[in-house]
Amino acid sequence: MAVICHRIKIPIEHANRKLDGDMMYTVYHDRDSLIQVNDIIHYIPVDKDGFKMESHDINDMLFIVTSIIPLKDGDIVFGDKEYDGNRNN
């Protein structure tokens, strides 16, 4: 199975919490069930108007999906951690 890098927009407040280690999961509407464990996530921080924040530290980081919990109506909760280049830890 191929591993995919997903680009997901998140509010700037969530990006800040993720960098601080206060947010180790994400709720996401994944109607096509595309996100899988071991996939890579690149978060795109956006302001309240939906514009990308170009100078945020999370722009240079990748995360790896560690767990997925399906919810109803195509929503999922997935756990992730910073990706260090090794999918086997």
C-alpha atoms as a PDB file:
ATOM      1  CA  MET A   1       0.000   0.000   0.000  1.00  0.00           C
ATOM      2  CA  ALA A   2       1.352   3.416  -0.965  1.00  0.00           C
ATOM      3  CA  VAL A   3       1.927   6.034   1.671  1.00  0.00           C
ATOM      4  CA  ILE A   4       0.470   9.417   0.860  1.00  0.00           C
ATOM      5  CA  CYS A   5       1.355  12.895   2.061  1.00  0.00           C
ATOM      6  CA  HIS A   6      -1.868  14.760   2.849  1.00  0.00           C
ATOM      7  CA  ARG A   7      -1.964  18.556   2.992  1.00  0.00           C
ATOM      8  CA  ILE A   8      -4.516  19.625   5.597  1.00  0.00           C
ATOM      9  CA  LYS A   9      -5.510  23.181   6.442  1.00  0.00           C
ATOM     10  CA  ILE A  10      -5.841  23.900  10.164  1.00  0.00           C
ATOM     11  CA  PRO A  11      -6.615  27.121  12.045  1.00  0.00           C
ATOM     12  CA  ILE A  12      -3.558  28.961  13.322  1.00  0.00           C
ATOM     13  CA  GLU A  13      -4.673  28.294  16.908  1.00  0.00           C
ATOM     14  CA  HIS A  14      -4.552  24.529  16.279  1.00  0.00           C
ATOM     15  CA  ALA A  15      -1.142  24.820  14.639  1.00  0.00           C
ATOM     16  CA  ASN A  16       0.164  26.642  17.713  1.00  0.00           C
ATOM     17  CA  ARG A  17      -1.283  23.981  20.041  1.00  0.00           C
ATOM     18  CA  LYS A  18       0.238  21.219  17.910  1.00  0.00           C
ATOM     19  CA  LEU A  19       3.682  22.847  18.152  1.00  0.00           C
ATOM     20  CA  ASP A  20       3.278  23.209  21.926  1.00  0.00           C
ATOM     21  CA  GLY A  21       2.438  19.485  22.211  1.00  0.00           C
ATOM     22  CA  ASP A  22      -1.084  20.222  23.448  1.00  0.00           C
ATOM     23  CA  MET A  23      -2.863  18.746  20.432  1.00  0.00           C
ATOM     24  CA  MET A  24      -1.911  15.192  19.483  1.00  0.00           C
ATOM     25  CA  TYR A  25      -5.035  14.385  17.500  1.00  0.00           C
ATOM     26  CA  THR A  26      -7.045  15.949  14.691  1.00  0.00           C
ATOM     27  CA  VAL A  27     -10.726  15.657  13.806  1.00  0.00           C
ATOM     28  CA  TYR A  28     -11.058  15.550  10.032  1.00  0.00           C
ATOM     29  CA  HIS A  29     -13.834  15.006   7.518  1.00  0.00           C
ATOM     30  CA  ASP A  30     -12.467  12.176   5.369  1.00  0.00           C
ATOM     31  CA  ARG A  31     -15.460  11.071   3.304  1.00  0.00           C
ATOM     32  CA  ASP A  32     -13.276   9.003   0.985  1.00  0.00           C
ATOM     33  CA  SER A  33     -11.336   7.221   3.787  1.00  0.00           C
ATOM     34  CA  LEU A  34      -8.054   8.332   2.273  1.00  0.00           C
ATOM     35  CA  ILE A  35      -6.038   8.832   5.456  1.00  0.00           C
ATOM     36  CA  GLN A  36      -4.365   5.672   6.719  1.00  0.00           C
ATOM     37  CA  VAL A  37      -1.989   4.830   9.583  1.00  0.00           C
ATOM     38  CA  ASN A  38       1.607   5.683   8.583  1.00  0.00           C
ATOM     39  CA  ASP A  39       0.506   8.344   6.091  1.00  0.00           C
ATOM     40  CA  ILE A  40       2.280  11.687   6.293  1.00  0.00           C
ATOM     41  CA  ILE A  41       0.479  14.921   7.141  1.00  0.00           C
ATOM     42  CA  HIS A  42       1.653  18.381   6.160  1.00  0.00           C
ATOM     43  CA  TYR A  43      -0.422  20.936   8.063  1.00  0.00           C
ATOM     44  CA  ILE A  44      -1.174  24.248   6.389  1.00  0.00           C
ATOM     45  CA  PRO A  45      -1.901  26.911   9.036  1.00  0.00           C
ATOM     46  CA  VAL A  46      -4.578  29.382   7.971  1.00  0.00           C
ATOM     47  CA  ASP A  47      -5.889  32.558   9.564  1.00  0.00           C
ATOM     48  CA  LYS A  48      -9.552  33.211  10.378  1.00  0.00           C
ATOM     49  CA  ASP A  49     -10.172  34.241   6.744  1.00  0.00           C
ATOM     50  CA  GLY A  50      -8.659  31.012   5.384  1.00  0.00           C
ATOM     51  CA  PHE A  51      -5.398  32.554   4.144  1.00  0.00           C
ATOM     52  CA  LYS A  52      -2.194  30.532   4.517  1.00  0.00           C
ATOM     53  CA  MET A  53       0.224  31.759   7.172  1.00  0.00           C
ATOM     54  CA  GLU A  54       3.533  31.681   5.293  1.00  0.00           C
ATOM     55  CA  SER A  55       5.819  32.304   8.271  1.00  0.00           C
ATOM     56  CA  HIS A  56       4.627  29.651  10.732  1.00  0.00           C
ATOM     57  CA  ASP A  57       7.064  27.035  12.120  1.00  0.00           C
ATOM     58  CA  ILE A  58       4.669  24.162  11.349  1.00  0.00           C
ATOM     59  CA  ASN A  59       5.141  24.853   7.610  1.00  0.00           C
ATOM     60  CA  ASP A  60       8.533  23.116   7.806  1.00  0.00           C
ATOM     61  CA  MET A  61       7.286  20.054   9.687  1.00  0.00           C
ATOM     62  CA  LEU A  62       5.698  16.748   8.746  1.00  0.00           C
ATOM     63  CA  PHE A  63       3.629  14.458  10.960  1.00  0.00           C
ATOM     64  CA  ILE A  64       2.922  10.731  10.734  1.00  0.00           C
ATOM     65  CA  VAL A  65      -0.512   9.248  11.428  1.00  0.00           C
ATOM     66  CA  THR A  66      -0.282   6.826  14.365  1.00  0.00           C
ATOM     67  CA  SER A  67      -3.950   5.890  14.868  1.00  0.00           C
ATOM     68  CA  ILE A  68      -7.395   6.431  13.375  1.00  0.00           C
ATOM     69  CA  ILE A  69     -10.822   6.321  14.986  1.00  0.00           C
ATOM     70  CA  PRO A  70     -13.757   6.469  12.580  1.00  0.00           C
ATOM     71  CA  LEU A  71     -16.729   8.602  13.582  1.00  0.00           C
ATOM     72  CA  LYS A  72     -20.020   8.899  11.758  1.00  0.00           C
ATOM     73  CA  ASP A  73     -20.726  10.807   8.542  1.00  0.00           C
ATOM     74  CA  GLY A  74     -17.181  10.341   7.215  1.00  0.00           C
ATOM     75  CA  ASP A  75     -15.431  12.115  10.078  1.00  0.00           C
ATOM     76  CA  ILE A  76     -12.368  10.596  11.686  1.00  0.00           C
ATOM     77  CA  VAL A  77     -10.114  11.375  14.604  1.00  0.00           C
ATOM     78  CA  PHE A  78      -6.487  10.601  13.944  1.00  0.00           C
ATOM     79  CA  GLY A  79      -3.500  10.694  16.227  1.00  0.00           C
ATOM     80  CA  ASP A  80      -0.170  11.855  14.908  1.00  0.00           C
ATOM     81  CA  LYS A  81       3.346  12.737  15.936  1.00  0.00           C
ATOM     82  CA  GLU A  82       6.188  14.634  14.348  1.00  0.00           C
ATOM     83  CA  TYR A  83       7.713  12.620  11.514  1.00  0.00           C
ATOM     84  CA  ASP A  84      11.452  12.059  11.858  1.00  0.00           C
ATOM     85  CA  GLY A  85      11.923  10.118   8.635  1.00  0.00           C
ATOM     86  CA  ASN A  86      11.428   6.708  10.238  1.00  0.00           C
ATOM     87  CA  ARG A  87       8.083   4.945   9.904  1.00  0.00           C
ATOM     88  CA  ASN A  88       9.116   2.061  12.151  1.00  0.00           C
ATOM     89  CA  ASN A  89       9.152   3.752  15.571  1.00  0.00           C
END
